[in-house]
């Protein structure tokens, strides 16, 4: 294999793929990235056996071929090279890399040992707007369960449906203590409703890839999701991410979302966040509890916490309150996650009583994002 490529192109291909390498005692080649040169392009491929990433960049190929090199070493080395053309030529078990006055020899492994990455032909395709999808991922991924005792909760529920003849996608994630739900429009129509569960690791990788390309104005404004059996492919510009889906049924979370409330409060989001952070300094270590008291008679929300060793704190926020006086104790970390995922200046907090789930929504778009937080039962 003999090729030349700009430093920027090579660096981009490696920054997309080298992140996926994994240490596997039985398969050391998983720490390598596969370079395949043919035509006028170079394709980088990395896999950890759960998912795989392909990234194609332009380059000049003098001799077609394929070879694998250590991902991290190769990426770190290319990162230090000047912005000039890089020449790569394989010879025996090495790759000779030259860029200006820089010359190095990197030991690699033959491409025949690299795991075969399946080609997924999409039975269903959906076009998802990139900016909306990035925001949605940021608003739901933190609610995914980390405990693998219930595999379906380690993923995000994707629900495709049609609303007023337009395609919609609802993403939902829960760890049983809180739940995030976000609905975004699709560019493509949805012929029939579809439900699937996508591993959160896959979506974290998609979010990372999209952040790498955030300043590239030439790339499309949508990414494509291809689905086939138990596999999916996200395609964006020169990148393909192939992953399995989670073959479990996601719980019917909509059943726990309250529809009628005893107390409703409209609160300035920044004031609420500061009050919660202040009270959190006095919460019980390990319990992370803060108590919210809503008093419509004085249009005020009180956020308080007490700890036997540190003391106590109560901070008041003005709020537009309706309904009855109410109190609930919640985990402040979960509460802050939900408040910080909302972009609007004001939030709506609705509750039944101290033993039922509470609903938090942005004031300006209550149907697009919903955050449910379970109370800490006293």
Protein backbone atom coordinates (compact mmCIF):
# COMPACT_ATOMS: atom_id res chain seq x y z
CA UNK A 1 0.00 0.00 0.00
CA UNK A 2 1.34 3.41 -0.95
CA UNK A 3 -0.57 6.65 -0.47
CA UNK A 4 -0.30 10.34 0.30
CA UNK A 5 -2.80 12.50 2.13
CA UNK A 6 -3.07 15.95 3.72
CA UNK A 7 -2.37 16.05 7.43
CA UNK A 8 -5.87 17.48 8.08
CA UNK A 9 -7.61 14.61 6.26
CA UNK A 10 -5.52 11.97 8.00
CA UNK A 11 -6.06 13.61 11.38
CA UNK A 12 -9.82 13.79 10.81
CA UNK A 13 -10.08 10.12 9.85
CA UNK A 14 -8.11 9.08 12.93
CA UNK A 15 -9.92 11.44 15.34
CA UNK A 16 -13.22 9.84 14.28
CA UNK A 17 -12.09 6.20 14.49
CA UNK A 18 -9.21 5.91 16.96
CA UNK A 19 -11.50 6.65 19.91
CA UNK A 20 -13.21 3.26 19.49
CA UNK A 21 -10.15 1.11 20.12
CA UNK A 22 -10.42 -1.38 22.97
CA UNK A 23 -7.95 -3.45 24.95
CA UNK A 24 -8.72 -7.11 24.35
CA UNK A 25 -6.16 -9.67 25.50
CA UNK A 26 -7.48 -12.28 23.06
CA UNK A 27 -7.74 -9.86 20.12
CA UNK A 28 -4.94 -7.26 20.30
CA UNK A 29 -5.79 -6.15 16.75
CA UNK A 30 -8.84 -4.34 18.19
CA UNK A 31 -6.37 -1.66 19.35
CA UNK A 32 -5.56 -1.02 15.69
CA UNK A 33 -7.25 1.02 12.99
CA UNK A 34 -7.64 -0.50 9.52
CA UNK A 35 -6.52 1.68 6.59
CA UNK A 36 -7.89 0.69 3.19
CA UNK A 37 -6.61 2.68 0.20
CA UNK A 38 -8.29 2.39 -3.20
CA UNK A 39 -9.34 4.78 -5.96
CA UNK A 40 -8.93 8.32 -4.66
CA UNK A 41 -9.90 7.61 -1.08
CA UNK A 42 -8.64 6.17 2.19
CA UNK A 43 -11.08 4.44 4.52
CA UNK A 44 -10.38 4.14 8.24
CA UNK A 45 -12.20 1.41 10.17
CA UNK A 46 -12.23 0.68 13.91
CA UNK A 47 -14.34 -1.77 15.90
CA UNK A 48 -14.79 -2.99 19.46
CA UNK A 49 -17.03 -5.88 18.28
CA UNK A 50 -20.14 -4.09 19.64
CA UNK A 51 -19.97 -1.27 17.12
CA UNK A 52 -17.78 -0.21 14.21
CA UNK A 53 -16.91 3.13 12.61
CA UNK A 54 -15.91 3.79 9.01
CA UNK A 55 -14.58 7.19 7.95
CA UNK A 56 -13.54 7.94 4.37
CA UNK A 57 -11.20 10.80 3.39
CA UNK A 58 -9.68 11.92 0.11
CA UNK A 59 -6.12 10.97 -0.71
CA UNK A 60 -3.78 10.03 -3.54
CA UNK A 61 -3.40 6.26 -3.84
CA UNK A 62 -0.37 5.01 -5.78
CA UNK A 63 -0.71 1.38 -4.69
CA UNK A 64 -4.04 0.08 -3.42
CA UNK A 65 -4.02 -2.06 -0.30
CA UNK A 66 -4.99 -2.35 3.35
CA UNK A 67 -3.10 -2.51 6.62
CA UNK A 68 -3.69 -1.94 10.35
CA UNK A 69 -1.76 0.38 12.67
CA UNK A 70 -2.01 1.03 16.45
CA UNK A 71 -4.85 3.58 16.77
CA UNK A 72 -3.65 5.70 19.66
CA UNK A 73 0.02 5.74 18.65
CA UNK A 74 -0.79 6.66 15.04
CA UNK A 75 -3.28 9.38 16.07
CA UNK A 76 -0.89 10.89 18.66
CA UNK A 77 1.94 10.92 16.10
CA UNK A 78 -0.13 12.51 13.31
CA UNK A 79 -1.37 15.16 15.78
CA UNK A 80 2.22 16.36 16.19
CA UNK A 81 3.05 16.58 12.47
CA UNK A 82 3.15 19.88 10.55
CA UNK A 83 0.31 20.77 8.18
CA UNK A 84 1.94 19.22 5.10
CA UNK A 85 1.33 16.19 2.88
CA UNK A 86 1.89 12.86 4.63
CA UNK A 87 3.26 9.90 2.66
CA UNK A 88 2.59 6.35 3.89
CA UNK A 89 4.10 3.18 2.44
CA UNK A 90 3.83 -0.31 3.92
CA UNK A 91 6.83 -2.61 3.87
CA UNK A 92 6.95 -6.03 5.57
CA UNK A 93 5.37 -5.53 9.03
CA UNK A 94 5.86 -1.75 9.08
CA UNK A 95 4.40 1.45 7.75
CA UNK A 96 6.90 4.15 6.77
CA UNK A 97 5.38 7.57 7.44
CA UNK A 98 7.01 10.72 6.07
CA UNK A 99 5.89 14.33 6.44
CA UNK A 100 8.37 17.07 5.54
CA UNK A 101 11.48 16.41 7.60
CA UNK A 102 9.65 13.96 9.89
CA UNK A 103 10.18 10.26 9.22
CA UNK A 104 9.04 7.33 11.28
CA UNK A 105 8.41 3.60 11.08
CA UNK A 106 5.35 2.16 12.85
CA UNK A 107 4.88 -1.57 13.44
CA UNK A 108 1.46 -2.82 12.39
CA UNK A 109 -0.49 -6.01 11.73
CA UNK A 110 -1.85 -7.51 8.53
CA UNK A 111 -5.41 -6.61 7.52
CA UNK A 112 -6.40 -10.30 7.29
CA UNK A 113 -6.53 -10.50 11.10
CA UNK A 114 -8.93 -7.56 11.40
CA UNK A 115 -12.57 -8.54 12.24
CA UNK A 116 -14.99 -8.41 9.35
CA UNK A 117 -17.32 -5.42 9.66
CA UNK A 118 -20.77 -6.36 8.28
CA UNK A 119 -22.41 -4.30 5.58
CA UNK A 120 -25.89 -3.31 6.68
CA UNK A 121 -28.40 -2.68 3.92
CA UNK A 122 -31.14 -0.53 5.40
CA UNK A 123 -34.67 -1.92 5.25
CA UNK A 124 -35.91 1.38 6.69
CA UNK A 125 -34.26 4.79 6.39
CA UNK A 126 -34.93 7.95 8.39
CA UNK A 127 -33.51 11.44 7.84
CA UNK A 128 -32.85 13.18 11.17
CA UNK A 129 -31.91 16.90 11.46
CA UNK A 130 -28.42 17.06 12.98
CA UNK A 131 -28.78 20.12 15.25
CA UNK A 132 -32.09 18.91 16.71
CA UNK A 133 -30.64 15.44 17.27
CA UNK A 134 -27.53 16.76 19.05
CA UNK A 135 -29.69 18.79 21.44
CA UNK A 136 -31.99 15.81 22.03
CA UNK A 137 -29.05 13.53 22.90
CA UNK A 138 -27.74 16.09 25.39
CA UNK A 139 -31.20 16.22 27.00
CA UNK A 140 -31.77 12.46 27.43
CA UNK A 141 -28.47 10.55 27.64
CA UNK A 142 -27.75 11.48 31.27
CA UNK A 143 -30.91 9.59 32.35
CA UNK A 144 -29.76 6.23 30.98
CA UNK A 145 -29.21 3.48 33.56
CA UNK A 146 -25.60 2.43 34.16
CA UNK A 147 -26.54 -0.82 35.92
CA UNK A 148 -26.83 -3.62 33.34
CA UNK A 149 -29.28 -5.73 35.34
CA UNK A 150 -32.00 -4.42 33.00
CA UNK A 151 -30.32 -4.20 29.56
CA UNK A 152 -33.16 -2.23 27.98
CA UNK A 153 -32.59 0.67 30.41
CA UNK A 154 -28.93 0.98 29.28
CA UNK A 155 -30.25 2.24 25.96
CA UNK A 156 -32.47 5.03 24.66
CA UNK A 157 -35.97 4.32 23.38
CA UNK A 158 -36.49 5.56 19.80
CA UNK A 159 -40.15 5.92 18.84
CA UNK A 160 -40.84 6.86 15.21
CA UNK A 161 -44.36 8.07 14.45
CA UNK A 162 -46.34 10.41 12.23
CA UNK A 163 -47.94 13.63 13.49
CA UNK A 164 -50.07 15.74 11.15
CA UNK A 165 -48.48 13.93 8.18
CA UNK A 166 -44.97 14.78 9.36
CA UNK A 167 -42.40 12.35 10.75
CA UNK A 168 -41.52 12.60 14.44
CA UNK A 169 -38.96 10.88 16.67
CA UNK A 170 -39.32 10.64 20.45
CA UNK A 171 -36.20 9.75 22.44
CA UNK A 172 -36.68 8.57 26.03
CA UNK A 173 -34.28 7.37 28.72
CA UNK A 174 -34.77 6.32 32.33
CA UNK A 175 -32.84 4.73 35.19
CA UNK A 176 -36.03 4.23 37.27
CA UNK A 177 -35.28 7.33 39.40
CA UNK A 178 -35.81 9.94 36.67
CA UNK A 179 -36.91 10.01 33.04
CA UNK A 180 -36.10 12.31 30.11
CA UNK A 181 -38.22 12.51 26.98
CA UNK A 182 -37.61 14.68 23.91
CA UNK A 183 -39.54 14.80 20.63
CA UNK A 184 -37.96 16.15 17.45
CA UNK A 185 -39.20 16.50 13.86
CA UNK A 186 -37.86 14.28 11.07
CA UNK A 187 -37.06 15.36 7.53
CA UNK A 188 -38.41 12.06 6.18
CA UNK A 189 -42.00 10.78 6.59
CA UNK A 190 -42.82 7.80 8.83
CA UNK A 191 -44.91 5.21 6.97
CA UNK A 192 -45.72 3.16 10.07
CA UNK A 193 -44.87 3.53 13.79
CA UNK A 194 -41.65 1.88 14.90
CA UNK A 195 -40.00 1.28 18.28
CA UNK A 196 -36.40 0.30 18.96
CA UNK A 197 -33.81 0.58 21.74
CA UNK A 198 -30.39 2.03 20.83
CA UNK A 199 -27.39 1.40 23.14
CA UNK A 200 -26.34 4.58 24.96
CA UNK A 201 -22.66 3.84 24.11
CA UNK A 202 -23.59 4.06 20.43
CA UNK A 203 -25.34 7.40 20.94
CA UNK A 204 -22.44 8.83 22.98
CA UNK A 205 -20.21 7.94 20.02
CA UNK A 206 -22.64 9.59 17.56
CA UNK A 207 -22.64 12.75 19.70
CA UNK A 208 -18.84 12.76 19.77
CA UNK A 209 -18.63 12.34 15.97
CA UNK A 210 -21.09 15.19 15.39
CA UNK A 211 -19.04 17.44 17.71
CA UNK A 212 -15.89 16.72 15.66
CA UNK A 213 -17.68 18.06 12.56
CA UNK A 214 -19.43 21.00 14.28
CA UNK A 215 -17.54 23.67 12.29
CA UNK A 216 -17.70 21.94 8.88
CA UNK A 217 -20.17 23.93 6.80
CA UNK A 218 -19.91 21.56 3.81
CA UNK A 219 -21.54 18.65 5.59
CA UNK A 220 -25.29 17.94 5.30
CA UNK A 221 -27.81 19.24 7.83
CA UNK A 222 -29.26 15.75 8.32
CA UNK A 223 -27.90 12.36 9.26
CA UNK A 224 -29.40 9.10 8.01
CA UNK A 225 -30.42 6.17 10.18
CA UNK A 226 -30.61 2.83 8.33
CA UNK A 227 -32.31 -0.07 10.12
CA UNK A 228 -32.05 -3.77 9.31
CA UNK A 229 -33.06 -6.63 11.63
CA UNK A 230 -31.16 -6.08 14.90
CA UNK A 231 -28.61 -3.68 13.42
CA UNK A 232 -28.50 0.01 12.59
CA UNK A 233 -26.20 2.40 10.76
CA UNK A 234 -25.88 6.13 11.36
CA UNK A 235 -24.46 7.82 8.25
CA UNK A 236 -23.22 11.40 8.32
CA UNK A 237 -21.06 12.81 5.53
CA UNK A 238 -17.97 10.57 5.26
CA UNK A 239 -18.76 8.59 8.44
CA UNK A 240 -20.69 5.40 9.08
CA UNK A 241 -21.35 4.04 12.56
CA UNK A 242 -22.63 0.46 12.67
CA UNK A 243 -24.17 -0.94 15.84
CA UNK A 244 -26.54 -3.58 17.13
CA UNK A 245 -29.83 -2.59 18.72
CA UNK A 246 -30.84 -3.81 22.21
CA UNK A 247 -33.14 -6.76 21.69
CA UNK A 248 -35.40 -5.99 24.66
CA UNK A 249 -38.79 -4.29 24.99
CA UNK A 250 -38.59 -0.83 26.53
CA UNK A 251 -40.99 -0.32 29.47
CA UNK A 252 -44.20 1.62 28.86
CA UNK A 253 -42.95 4.70 30.70
CA UNK A 254 -45.87 6.90 29.63
CA UNK A 255 -48.03 5.13 32.22
CA UNK A 256 -46.09 6.76 35.09
CA UNK A 257 -46.26 10.32 33.74
CA UNK A 258 -48.94 12.16 35.76
CA UNK A 259 -51.62 14.01 33.82
CA UNK A 260 -53.39 15.84 36.69
CA UNK A 261 -51.60 17.83 39.40
CA UNK A 262 -52.32 19.42 42.77
CA UNK A 263 -49.64 22.12 42.51
CA UNK A 264 -48.16 24.03 39.56
CA UNK A 265 -45.23 26.46 39.75
CA UNK A 266 -43.57 28.63 37.11
CA UNK A 267 -40.02 29.44 38.27
CA UNK A 268 -37.04 31.34 36.89
CA UNK A 269 -34.66 28.55 35.92
CA UNK A 270 -31.43 30.29 37.00
CA UNK A 271 -32.90 31.21 40.40
CA UNK A 272 -34.08 27.63 40.89
CA UNK A 273 -30.64 26.19 39.97
CA UNK A 274 -28.84 28.54 42.40
CA UNK A 275 -31.26 27.74 45.23
CA UNK A 276 -30.83 23.99 44.69
CA UNK A 277 -27.03 24.28 44.55
CA UNK A 278 -27.03 26.33 47.78
CA UNK A 279 -29.24 23.89 49.66
CA UNK A 280 -27.27 20.91 48.31
CA UNK A 281 -24.27 21.97 50.42
CA UNK A 282 -26.27 20.88 53.48
CA UNK A 283 -27.84 17.68 52.12
CA UNK A 284 -27.11 14.23 53.57
CA UNK A 285 -23.99 12.69 52.04
CA UNK A 286 -25.02 9.74 49.85
CA UNK A 287 -28.73 10.66 49.95
CA UNK A 288 -28.35 14.02 48.13
CA UNK A 289 -31.75 15.14 49.43
CA UNK A 290 -33.27 18.61 49.19
CA UNK A 291 -36.84 19.49 50.14
CA UNK A 292 -39.01 21.71 47.93
CA UNK A 293 -41.89 23.52 49.63
CA UNK A 294 -44.44 25.31 47.43
CA UNK A 295 -46.54 27.97 49.18
CA UNK A 296 -49.13 29.67 46.91
CA UNK A 297 -50.18 32.09 49.70
CA UNK A 298 -46.84 33.95 49.41
CA UNK A 299 -46.00 32.94 45.78
CA UNK A 300 -42.81 31.35 46.97
CA UNK A 301 -40.76 28.16 46.53
CA UNK A 302 -38.47 27.21 49.41
CA UNK A 303 -35.50 24.86 48.78
CA UNK A 304 -34.05 23.47 52.02
CA UNK A 305 -31.70 20.83 53.39
CA UNK A 306 -30.50 19.82 56.84
CA UNK A 307 -27.47 17.79 57.89
CA UNK A 308 -26.67 16.98 61.54
CA UNK A 309 -22.95 17.65 61.12
CA UNK A 310 -22.94 20.61 58.71
CA UNK A 311 -26.03 22.61 59.55
CA UNK A 312 -29.08 23.66 57.59
CA UNK A 313 -30.08 26.00 54.77
CA UNK A 314 -33.28 27.33 53.27
CA UNK A 315 -33.33 29.46 50.12
CA UNK A 316 -36.48 31.08 48.72
CA UNK A 317 -37.40 31.72 45.07
CA UNK A 318 -40.32 33.76 43.86
CA UNK A 319 -42.68 31.71 41.69
CA UNK A 320 -46.06 31.89 39.97
CA UNK A 321 -47.93 29.28 41.99
CA UNK A 322 -51.38 27.75 41.56
CA UNK A 323 -53.06 24.90 43.42
CA UNK A 324 -52.40 23.85 46.98
CA UNK A 325 -49.43 24.10 49.35
CA UNK A 326 -47.16 21.08 48.76
CA UNK A 327 -43.83 19.56 49.79
CA UNK A 328 -41.57 17.00 48.09
CA UNK A 329 -38.04 15.72 48.77
CA UNK A 330 -35.88 14.88 45.74
CA UNK A 331 -32.31 13.99 44.80
CA UNK A 332 -30.68 17.35 44.03
CA UNK A 333 -28.29 15.88 41.45
CA UNK A 334 -31.18 14.48 39.44
CA UNK A 335 -33.09 17.76 39.81
CA UNK A 336 -30.10 19.80 38.55
CA UNK A 337 -29.60 17.44 35.58
CA UNK A 338 -33.15 18.14 34.46
CA UNK A 339 -33.02 21.89 35.04
CA UNK A 340 -29.69 22.25 33.23
CA UNK A 341 -30.99 20.28 30.22
CA UNK A 342 -33.65 22.95 29.67
CA UNK A 343 -32.68 26.03 27.66
CA UNK A 344 -35.67 28.28 28.40
CA UNK A 345 -35.55 31.03 31.03
CA UNK A 346 -38.52 29.65 32.96
CA UNK A 347 -39.52 26.13 33.92
CA UNK A 348 -42.84 24.63 34.96
CA UNK A 349 -42.76 22.29 37.97
CA UNK A 350 -45.91 20.22 38.54
CA UNK A 351 -46.63 17.72 41.32
CA UNK A 352 -49.41 15.76 42.99
CA UNK A 353 -47.86 15.15 46.43
CA UNK A 354 -44.64 14.04 48.12
CA UNK A 355 -45.07 10.39 47.09
CA UNK A 356 -45.71 10.76 43.34
CA UNK A 357 -43.48 11.59 40.31
CA UNK A 358 -42.95 15.30 39.60
CA UNK A 359 -42.94 16.75 36.07
CA UNK A 360 -40.58 19.50 34.88
CA UNK A 361 -41.01 21.14 31.46
CA UNK A 362 -39.76 24.31 29.75
CA UNK A 363 -42.43 27.01 29.94
CA UNK A 364 -42.23 27.84 26.24
CA UNK A 365 -42.48 24.30 24.80
CA UNK A 366 -44.15 21.90 27.22
CA UNK A 367 -44.74 19.20 24.60
CA UNK A 368 -41.17 18.93 23.27
CA UNK A 369 -39.25 18.06 26.46
CA UNK A 370 -40.45 16.36 29.61
CA UNK A 371 -38.39 15.46 32.67
CA UNK A 372 -39.82 13.25 35.39
CA UNK A 373 -38.16 12.96 38.80
CA UNK A 374 -39.17 10.44 41.46
CA UNK A 375 -39.39 11.70 45.05
CA UNK A 376 -37.26 10.37 47.90
CA UNK A 377 -39.80 8.72 50.16
CA UNK A 378 -39.37 9.79 53.76
